[in-house]
Amino acid sequence: MVTRIAKPVLDFALPTRCPSCGVIVDGADRFCIDCWSQLEHLDQGCHQCGVPLATPAGDGVICGACLADPPPFDTMRAAVRYGDVERTIALRLKYGGRIGLARLIAGSMQRHMDELEHAPIVPVPLHRGRLWRRGFNQSALIARALAGEDRGRLHLNALERTRATPYLRAMGAKERAKTVRGAFAVNPRHRDALDGKAVVLVDDVYTSGATASACAKALKKAGAAEVHVRCWARVCTAEEADY
């Protein structure tokens, strides 16, 4: 009864708003129509790296880049293409402390999790120094939301960042790859849980693939049979790479 009485009052005093532009909307974790229309949902593309292709592709089609230099992960899927709205959401979660956005992001990613519903979920880790300063790991928040009630598949500390690395935002693809090379390792206490398994690696934004590749190499070195990268937004061109 208290909930039924209090909810209309709270909705009037503190109405739910679009997480991007702040316009009042009719429910939590919802975009307004204008912001929703700007989202470019990614569902078809290269079977391995997920990049959108110039012409419609069927299941299993692999892009030229992956054929020439296969990445160490088995698949990569993003909910949306990185753009203005997607950037706003990612930055508000990562630097603005809007941790509730992890639930919205996970909801968008869920359609790419269906074939991996029992796989262990591992977030891309932060170095402990950066974690102390920020107070949370945005990838871990998304991973927790993806796991839902099935906390047994959640392995928040399975991957460790063994050394601090500088921010990658201003770097090109080759420099990013060099910077994170060898920066990740699997915590020995989690090896048995990952050994021989298909593992879901969770991050917020996929830019050049350097971080995902370094993490995938560490996971496979530790015994993971497959690594499937899942993220909120994917940078598709060099001009978009400002994250």
C-alpha atoms as a PDB file:
ATOM      1  CA  MET A   1       0.000   0.000   0.000  1.00  0.00           C
ATOM      2  CA  VAL A   2       2.840   2.375   0.909  1.00  0.00           C
ATOM      3  CA  THR A   3       4.475   1.696  -2.458  1.00  0.00           C
ATOM      4  CA  ARG A   4       1.245   2.358  -4.348  1.00  0.00           C
ATOM      5  CA  ILE A   5       0.801   5.681  -2.559  1.00  0.00           C
ATOM      6  CA  ALA A   6       4.423   6.805  -2.676  1.00  0.00           C
ATOM      7  CA  LYS A   7       5.189   5.960  -6.301  1.00  0.00           C
ATOM      8  CA  PRO A   8       2.912   8.579  -7.922  1.00  0.00           C
ATOM      9  CA  VAL A   9       4.294  11.209  -5.555  1.00  0.00           C
ATOM     10  CA  LEU A  10       7.884  10.297  -6.379  1.00  0.00           C
ATOM     11  CA  ASP A  11       7.132  10.152 -10.101  1.00  0.00           C
ATOM     12  CA  PHE A  12       5.718  13.669  -9.892  1.00  0.00           C
ATOM     13  CA  ALA A  13       8.556  15.073  -7.774  1.00  0.00           C
ATOM     14  CA  LEU A  14      11.369  13.123  -9.452  1.00  0.00           C
ATOM     15  CA  PRO A  15      10.168  12.092 -12.924  1.00  0.00           C
ATOM     16  CA  THR A  16      12.225   9.597 -14.916  1.00  0.00           C
ATOM     17  CA  ARG A  17      14.268  11.228 -17.627  1.00  0.00           C
ATOM     18  CA  CYS A  18      16.011  10.219 -20.831  1.00  0.00           C
ATOM     19  CA  PRO A  19      19.553   9.210 -19.825  1.00  0.00           C
ATOM     20  CA  SER A  20      20.982  11.127 -22.781  1.00  0.00           C
ATOM     21  CA  CYS A  21      19.150  14.460 -23.087  1.00  0.00           C
ATOM     22  CA  GLY A  22      17.180  14.628 -19.822  1.00  0.00           C
ATOM     23  CA  VAL A  23      13.713  14.908 -21.330  1.00  0.00           C
ATOM     24  CA  ILE A  24      10.994  13.371 -19.123  1.00  0.00           C
ATOM     25  CA  VAL A  25      10.060   9.845 -20.277  1.00  0.00           C
ATOM     26  CA  ASP A  26       7.417   7.377 -19.140  1.00  0.00           C
ATOM     27  CA  GLY A  27       9.648   4.757 -17.533  1.00  0.00           C
ATOM     28  CA  ALA A  28      13.068   3.981 -16.130  1.00  0.00           C
ATOM     29  CA  ASP A  29      15.900   2.898 -18.440  1.00  0.00           C
ATOM     30  CA  ARG A  30      14.221   4.391 -21.504  1.00  0.00           C
ATOM     31  CA  PHE A  31      15.355   6.883 -24.099  1.00  0.00           C
ATOM     32  CA  CYS A  32      13.172   9.619 -25.497  1.00  0.00           C
ATOM     33  CA  ILE A  33      12.026   9.138 -29.093  1.00  0.00           C
ATOM     34  CA  ASP A  34      14.584  11.600 -30.486  1.00  0.00           C
ATOM     35  CA  CYS A  35      17.556   9.954 -28.755  1.00  0.00           C
ATOM     36  CA  TRP A  36      16.287   6.446 -29.489  1.00  0.00           C
ATOM     37  CA  SER A  37      16.055   7.289 -33.192  1.00  0.00           C
ATOM     38  CA  GLN A  38      19.744   8.282 -33.176  1.00  0.00           C
ATOM     39  CA  LEU A  39      20.886   4.870 -31.929  1.00  0.00           C
ATOM     40  CA  GLU A  40      22.253   2.622 -34.666  1.00  0.00           C
ATOM     41  CA  HIS A  41      21.710  -0.939 -33.485  1.00  0.00           C
ATOM     42  CA  LEU A  42      24.284  -3.443 -34.718  1.00  0.00           C
ATOM     43  CA  ASP A  43      22.954  -6.882 -35.562  1.00  0.00           C
ATOM     44  CA  GLN A  44      24.650  -7.947 -38.798  1.00  0.00           C
ATOM     45  CA  GLY A  45      28.273  -7.694 -39.827  1.00  0.00           C
ATOM     46  CA  CYS A  46      31.491  -9.662 -39.783  1.00  0.00           C
ATOM     47  CA  HIS A  47      30.909 -12.910 -37.906  1.00  0.00           C
ATOM     48  CA  GLN A  48      34.168 -12.508 -36.006  1.00  0.00           C
ATOM     49  CA  CYS A  49      34.810  -8.817 -35.245  1.00  0.00           C
ATOM     50  CA  GLY A  50      31.235  -7.579 -35.757  1.00  0.00           C
ATOM     51  CA  VAL A  51      32.144  -4.609 -37.963  1.00  0.00           C
ATOM     52  CA  PRO A  52      29.239  -3.513 -40.200  1.00  0.00           C
ATOM     53  CA  LEU A  53      29.798  -4.519 -43.816  1.00  0.00           C
ATOM     54  CA  ALA A  54      29.152  -2.416 -46.910  1.00  0.00           C
ATOM     55  CA  THR A  55      26.765  -5.010 -48.332  1.00  0.00           C
ATOM     56  CA  PRO A  56      24.331  -7.257 -46.429  1.00  0.00           C
ATOM     57  CA  ALA A  57      26.057 -10.391 -45.198  1.00  0.00           C
ATOM     58  CA  GLY A  58      24.748 -13.789 -44.256  1.00  0.00           C
ATOM     59  CA  ASP A  59      25.627 -15.780 -41.172  1.00  0.00           C
ATOM     60  CA  GLY A  60      29.286 -16.686 -40.885  1.00  0.00           C
ATOM     61  CA  VAL A  61      30.649 -14.067 -43.293  1.00  0.00           C
ATOM     62  CA  ILE A  62      34.071 -12.782 -42.188  1.00  0.00           C
ATOM     63  CA  CYS A  63      35.518  -9.431 -43.220  1.00  0.00           C
ATOM     64  CA  GLY A  64      38.798  -9.074 -45.101  1.00  0.00           C
ATOM     65  CA  ALA A  65      40.643  -7.701 -42.074  1.00  0.00           C
ATOM     66  CA  CYS A  66      39.794 -10.759 -39.970  1.00  0.00           C
ATOM     67  CA  LEU A  67      40.704 -13.118 -42.824  1.00  0.00           C
ATOM     68  CA  ALA A  68      44.085 -11.406 -43.193  1.00  0.00           C
ATOM     69  CA  ASP A  69      44.846 -11.102 -39.468  1.00  0.00           C
ATOM     70  CA  PRO A  70      42.382 -13.067 -37.295  1.00  0.00           C
ATOM     71  CA  PRO A  71      41.839 -11.523 -33.840  1.00  0.00           C
ATOM     72  CA  PRO A  72      42.452 -13.716 -30.776  1.00  0.00           C
ATOM     73  CA  PHE A  73      38.778 -13.600 -29.763  1.00  0.00           C
ATOM     74  CA  ASP A  74      36.106 -15.729 -31.439  1.00  0.00           C
ATOM     75  CA  THR A  75      33.329 -13.165 -31.792  1.00  0.00           C
ATOM     76  CA  MET A  76      32.712  -9.512 -30.925  1.00  0.00           C
ATOM     77  CA  ARG A  77      29.230  -8.044 -30.708  1.00  0.00           C
ATOM     78  CA  ALA A  78      28.184  -4.527 -29.762  1.00  0.00           C
ATOM     79  CA  ALA A  79      24.672  -3.329 -29.051  1.00  0.00           C
ATOM     80  CA  VAL A  80      25.079  -0.036 -30.922  1.00  0.00           C
ATOM     81  CA  ARG A  81      27.447   1.932 -33.111  1.00  0.00           C
ATOM     82  CA  TYR A  82      29.447   4.585 -31.276  1.00  0.00           C
ATOM     83  CA  GLY A  83      27.888   8.013 -31.857  1.00  0.00           C
ATOM     84  CA  ASP A  84      26.871  11.114 -29.919  1.00  0.00           C
ATOM     85  CA  VAL A  85      24.156   9.496 -27.790  1.00  0.00           C
ATOM     86  CA  GLU A  86      26.220   6.359 -27.174  1.00  0.00           C
ATOM     87  CA  ARG A  87      29.235   8.463 -26.202  1.00  0.00           C
ATOM     88  CA  THR A  88      27.133  10.450 -23.727  1.00  0.00           C
ATOM     89  CA  ILE A  89      25.893   7.282 -22.036  1.00  0.00           C
ATOM     90  CA  ALA A  90      29.373   5.742 -21.859  1.00  0.00           C
ATOM     91  CA  LEU A  91      30.969   8.879 -20.407  1.00  0.00           C
ATOM     92  CA  ARG A  92      28.189   9.447 -17.857  1.00  0.00           C
ATOM     93  CA  LEU A  93      28.664   5.907 -16.586  1.00  0.00           C
ATOM     94  CA  LYS A  94      32.472   5.948 -16.666  1.00  0.00           C
ATOM     95  CA  TYR A  95      33.241   9.437 -15.404  1.00  0.00           C
ATOM     96  CA  GLY A  96      29.913  10.843 -14.224  1.00  0.00           C
ATOM     97  CA  GLY A  97      29.174   8.188 -11.631  1.00  0.00           C
ATOM     98  CA  ARG A  98      25.794   7.349 -13.165  1.00  0.00           C
ATOM     99  CA  ILE A  99      26.171   3.686 -12.250  1.00  0.00           C
ATOM    100  CA  GLY A 100      22.492   2.958 -12.890  1.00  0.00           C
ATOM    101  CA  LEU A 101      23.245   3.280 -16.611  1.00  0.00           C
ATOM    102  CA  ALA A 102      24.977  -0.112 -16.437  1.00  0.00           C
ATOM    103  CA  ARG A 103      21.535  -1.702 -16.227  1.00  0.00           C
ATOM    104  CA  LEU A 104      20.322   0.145 -19.328  1.00  0.00           C
ATOM    105  CA  ILE A 105      23.483  -0.811 -21.233  1.00  0.00           C
ATOM    106  CA  ALA A 106      23.188  -4.474 -20.218  1.00  0.00           C
ATOM    107  CA  GLY A 107      19.580  -4.531 -21.368  1.00  0.00           C
ATOM    108  CA  SER A 108      20.670  -3.369 -24.831  1.00  0.00           C
ATOM    109  CA  MET A 109      23.429  -5.983 -24.947  1.00  0.00           C
ATOM    110  CA  GLN A 110      21.223  -8.870 -23.858  1.00  0.00           C
ATOM    111  CA  ARG A 111      20.175  -9.854 -27.383  1.00  0.00           C
ATOM    112  CA  HIS A 112      23.791 -10.802 -28.111  1.00  0.00           C
ATOM    113  CA  MET A 113      23.963 -13.045 -25.040  1.00  0.00           C
ATOM    114  CA  ASP A 114      21.319 -15.625 -25.950  1.00  0.00           C
ATOM    115  CA  GLU A 115      23.753 -18.221 -27.315  1.00  0.00           C
ATOM    116  CA  LEU A 116      26.025 -17.724 -24.295  1.00  0.00           C
ATOM    117  CA  GLU A 117      23.487 -17.939 -21.497  1.00  0.00           C
ATOM    118  CA  HIS A 118      25.575 -20.312 -19.344  1.00  0.00           C
ATOM    119  CA  ALA A 119      29.059 -18.984 -20.170  1.00  0.00           C
ATOM    120  CA  PRO A 120      31.265 -17.427 -17.475  1.00  0.00           C
ATOM    121  CA  ILE A 121      31.194 -13.611 -17.612  1.00  0.00           C
ATOM    122  CA  VAL A 122      34.477 -11.730 -17.120  1.00  0.00           C
ATOM    123  CA  PRO A 123      34.786  -7.917 -17.207  1.00  0.00           C
ATOM    124  CA  VAL A 124      37.797  -6.054 -18.578  1.00  0.00           C
ATOM    125  CA  PRO A 125      39.633  -5.035 -15.381  1.00  0.00           C
ATOM    126  CA  LEU A 126      40.964  -1.692 -14.203  1.00  0.00           C
ATOM    127  CA  HIS A 127      44.353  -1.358 -12.564  1.00  0.00           C
ATOM    128  CA  ARG A 128      43.911  -1.099  -8.801  1.00  0.00           C
ATOM    129  CA  GLY A 129      45.184   2.504  -8.743  1.00  0.00           C
ATOM    130  CA  ARG A 130      42.567   3.659 -11.230  1.00  0.00           C
ATOM    131  CA  LEU A 131      39.900   1.599  -9.476  1.00  0.00           C
ATOM    132  CA  TRP A 132      40.666   3.311  -6.170  1.00  0.00           C
ATOM    133  CA  ARG A 133      40.436   6.745  -7.778  1.00  0.00           C
ATOM    134  CA  ARG A 134      37.225   6.095  -9.701  1.00  0.00           C
ATOM    135  CA  GLY A 135      35.560   3.926  -7.071  1.00  0.00           C
ATOM    136  CA  PHE A 136      34.133   1.362  -9.500  1.00  0.00           C
ATOM    137  CA  ASN A 137      34.831  -0.497 -12.722  1.00  0.00           C
ATOM    138  CA  GLN A 138      32.157   0.319 -15.298  1.00  0.00           C
ATOM    139  CA  SER A 139      32.751  -2.972 -17.141  1.00  0.00           C
ATOM    140  CA  ALA A 140      32.206  -4.905 -13.913  1.00  0.00           C
ATOM    141  CA  LEU A 141      28.906  -3.074 -13.327  1.00  0.00           C
ATOM    142  CA  ILE A 142      27.737  -4.026 -16.822  1.00  0.00           C
ATOM    143  CA  ALA A 143      28.891  -7.628 -16.315  1.00  0.00           C
ATOM    144  CA  ARG A 144      26.976  -7.836 -13.026  1.00  0.00           C
ATOM    145  CA  ALA A 145      23.818  -6.539 -14.721  1.00  0.00           C
ATOM    146  CA  LEU A 146      24.221  -9.060 -17.560  1.00  0.00           C
ATOM    147  CA  ALA A 147      24.563 -11.945 -15.097  1.00  0.00           C
ATOM    148  CA  GLY A 148      21.354 -10.950 -13.323  1.00  0.00           C
ATOM    149  CA  GLU A 149      20.393 -13.482 -10.678  1.00  0.00           C
ATOM    150  CA  ASP A 150      22.863 -16.079 -11.966  1.00  0.00           C
ATOM    151  CA  ARG A 151      25.829 -14.811  -9.949  1.00  0.00           C
ATOM    152  CA  GLY A 152      27.594 -18.161 -10.226  1.00  0.00           C
ATOM    153  CA  ARG A 153      28.699 -17.321 -13.771  1.00  0.00           C
ATOM    154  CA  LEU A 154      30.068 -13.917 -12.766  1.00  0.00           C
ATOM    155  CA  HIS A 155      33.860 -13.785 -12.300  1.00  0.00           C
ATOM    156  CA  LEU A 156      34.634 -10.165 -11.475  1.00  0.00           C
ATOM    157  CA  ASN A 157      38.262 -10.792 -10.503  1.00  0.00           C
ATOM    158  CA  ALA A 158      39.176 -13.460 -13.028  1.00  0.00           C
ATOM    159  CA  LEU A 159      41.238 -11.038 -15.104  1.00  0.00           C
ATOM    160  CA  GLU A 160      43.801  -8.739 -13.529  1.00  0.00           C
ATOM    161  CA  ARG A 161      45.553  -5.697 -14.937  1.00  0.00           C
ATOM    162  CA  THR A 162      49.118  -6.452 -13.953  1.00  0.00           C
ATOM    163  CA  ARG A 163      50.474  -2.974 -14.644  1.00  0.00           C
ATOM    164  CA  ALA A 164      49.057   0.518 -14.968  1.00  0.00           C
ATOM    165  CA  THR A 165      48.659   1.800 -18.524  1.00  0.00           C
ATOM    166  CA  PRO A 166      48.041   5.364 -19.701  1.00  0.00           C
ATOM    167  CA  TYR A 167      44.698   6.421 -21.145  1.00  0.00           C
ATOM    168  CA  LEU A 168      44.407   5.146 -24.716  1.00  0.00           C
ATOM    169  CA  ARG A 169      42.092   7.879 -26.024  1.00  0.00           C
ATOM    170  CA  ALA A 170      44.716   9.875 -27.964  1.00  0.00           C
ATOM    171  CA  MET A 171      46.547   6.813 -29.344  1.00  0.00           C
ATOM    172  CA  GLY A 172      46.314   5.135 -32.713  1.00  0.00           C
ATOM    173  CA  ALA A 173      45.567   1.430 -33.118  1.00  0.00           C
ATOM    174  CA  LYS A 174      49.211   0.289 -33.202  1.00  0.00           C
ATOM    175  CA  GLU A 175      50.161   2.387 -30.186  1.00  0.00           C
ATOM    176  CA  ARG A 176      47.131   1.103 -28.249  1.00  0.00           C
ATOM    177  CA  ALA A 177      48.103  -2.496 -28.994  1.00  0.00           C
ATOM    178  CA  LYS A 178      51.695  -1.892 -27.885  1.00  0.00           C
ATOM    179  CA  THR A 179      50.565  -0.150 -24.688  1.00  0.00           C
ATOM    180  CA  VAL A 180      48.316  -2.989 -23.459  1.00  0.00           C
ATOM    181  CA  ARG A 181      50.462  -5.894 -24.673  1.00  0.00           C
ATOM    182  CA  GLY A 182      51.031  -8.240 -21.740  1.00  0.00           C
ATOM    183  CA  ALA A 183      49.084  -5.995 -19.347  1.00  0.00           C
ATOM    184  CA  PHE A 184      46.526  -8.663 -18.375  1.00  0.00           C
ATOM    185  CA  ALA A 185      46.688 -12.032 -16.647  1.00  0.00           C
ATOM    186  CA  VAL A 186      44.184 -14.529 -15.272  1.00  0.00           C
ATOM    187  CA  ASN A 187      43.933 -14.829 -11.505  1.00  0.00           C
ATOM    188  CA  PRO A 188      45.079 -18.410 -10.693  1.00  0.00           C
ATOM    189  CA  ARG A 189      42.090 -18.890  -8.382  1.00  0.00           C
ATOM    190  CA  HIS A 190      39.747 -18.600 -11.400  1.00  0.00           C
ATOM    191  CA  ARG A 191      41.593 -20.843 -13.828  1.00  0.00           C
ATOM    192  CA  ASP A 192      39.519 -23.934 -13.114  1.00  0.00           C
ATOM    193  CA  ALA A 193      36.260 -22.040 -13.664  1.00  0.00           C
ATOM    194  CA  LEU A 194      37.421 -20.832 -17.098  1.00  0.00           C
ATOM    195  CA  ASP A 195      39.377 -23.855 -18.295  1.00  0.00           C
ATOM    196  CA  GLY A 196      37.857 -25.331 -21.451  1.00  0.00           C
ATOM    197  CA  LYS A 197      34.912 -22.896 -21.349  1.00  0.00           C
ATOM    198  CA  ALA A 198      33.496 -20.346 -23.760  1.00  0.00           C
ATOM    199  CA  VAL A 199      34.006 -17.077 -21.860  1.00  0.00           C
ATOM    200  CA  VAL A 200      32.143 -13.772 -22.265  1.00  0.00           C
ATOM    201  CA  LEU A 201      34.493 -10.768 -22.026  1.00  0.00           C
ATOM    202  CA  VAL A 202      32.569  -7.582 -21.186  1.00  0.00           C
ATOM    203  CA  ASP A 203      33.592  -3.984 -21.853  1.00  0.00           C
ATOM    204  CA  ASP A 204      31.785  -0.681 -22.351  1.00  0.00           C
ATOM    205  CA  VAL A 205      33.236   0.534 -25.679  1.00  0.00           C
ATOM    206  CA  TYR A 206      35.183  -1.331 -28.372  1.00  0.00           C
ATOM    207  CA  THR A 207      37.522   1.089 -30.131  1.00  0.00           C
ATOM    208  CA  SER A 208      40.518  -0.484 -31.886  1.00  0.00           C
ATOM    209  CA  GLY A 209      40.212  -3.935 -30.311  1.00  0.00           C
ATOM    210  CA  ALA A 210      43.584  -3.649 -28.572  1.00  0.00           C
ATOM    211  CA  THR A 211      42.263  -4.144 -25.042  1.00  0.00           C
ATOM    212  CA  ALA A 212      39.860  -6.923 -26.047  1.00  0.00           C
ATOM    213  CA  SER A 213      42.646  -8.722 -27.916  1.00  0.00           C
ATOM    214  CA  ALA A 214      45.092  -8.477 -25.013  1.00  0.00           C
ATOM    215  CA  CYS A 215      42.446  -9.810 -22.611  1.00  0.00           C
ATOM    216  CA  ALA A 216      41.447 -12.608 -25.001  1.00  0.00           C
ATOM    217  CA  LYS A 217      45.075 -13.720 -25.304  1.00  0.00           C
ATOM    218  CA  ALA A 218      45.398 -13.889 -21.516  1.00  0.00           C
ATOM    219  CA  LEU A 219      42.149 -15.850 -21.171  1.00  0.00           C
ATOM    220  CA  LYS A 220      43.099 -18.371 -23.843  1.00  0.00           C
ATOM    221  CA  LYS A 221      46.590 -18.740 -22.430  1.00  0.00           C
ATOM    222  CA  ALA A 222      44.911 -19.680 -19.140  1.00  0.00           C
ATOM    223  CA  GLY A 223      42.802 -22.361 -20.818  1.00  0.00           C
ATOM    224  CA  ALA A 224      39.608 -20.690 -22.072  1.00  0.00           C
ATOM    225  CA  ALA A 225      38.373 -22.541 -25.170  1.00  0.00           C
ATOM    226  CA  GLU A 226      36.627 -19.501 -26.677  1.00  0.00           C
ATOM    227  CA  VAL A 227      36.382 -15.791 -25.927  1.00  0.00           C
ATOM    228  CA  HIS A 228      33.308 -13.816 -26.986  1.00  0.00           C
ATOM    229  CA  VAL A 229      33.567 -10.051 -26.563  1.00  0.00           C
ATOM    230  CA  ARG A 230      30.366  -8.181 -25.717  1.00  0.00           C
ATOM    231  CA  CYS A 231      30.122  -4.413 -25.328  1.00  0.00           C
ATOM    232  CA  TRP A 232      27.754  -1.451 -25.406  1.00  0.00           C
ATOM    233  CA  ALA A 233      29.119   0.528 -28.357  1.00  0.00           C
ATOM    234  CA  ARG A 234      31.538  -0.119 -31.206  1.00  0.00           C
ATOM    235  CA  VAL A 235      33.712   2.455 -32.934  1.00  0.00           C
ATOM    236  CA  CYS A 236      33.466   1.641 -36.637  1.00  0.00           C
ATOM    237  CA  THR A 237      35.758   4.240 -38.248  1.00  0.00           C
ATOM    238  CA  ALA A 238      38.978   5.989 -37.231  1.00  0.00           C
ATOM    239  CA  GLU A 239      37.112   9.316 -37.168  1.00  0.00           C
ATOM    240  CA  GLU A 240      34.875   8.042 -34.347  1.00  0.00           C
ATOM    241  CA  ALA A 241      37.747   6.979 -32.098  1.00  0.00           C
ATOM    242  CA  ASP A 242      37.620   9.646 -29.386  1.00  0.00           C
ATOM    243  CA  TYR A 243      36.994   7.351 -26.405  1.00  0.00           C
END
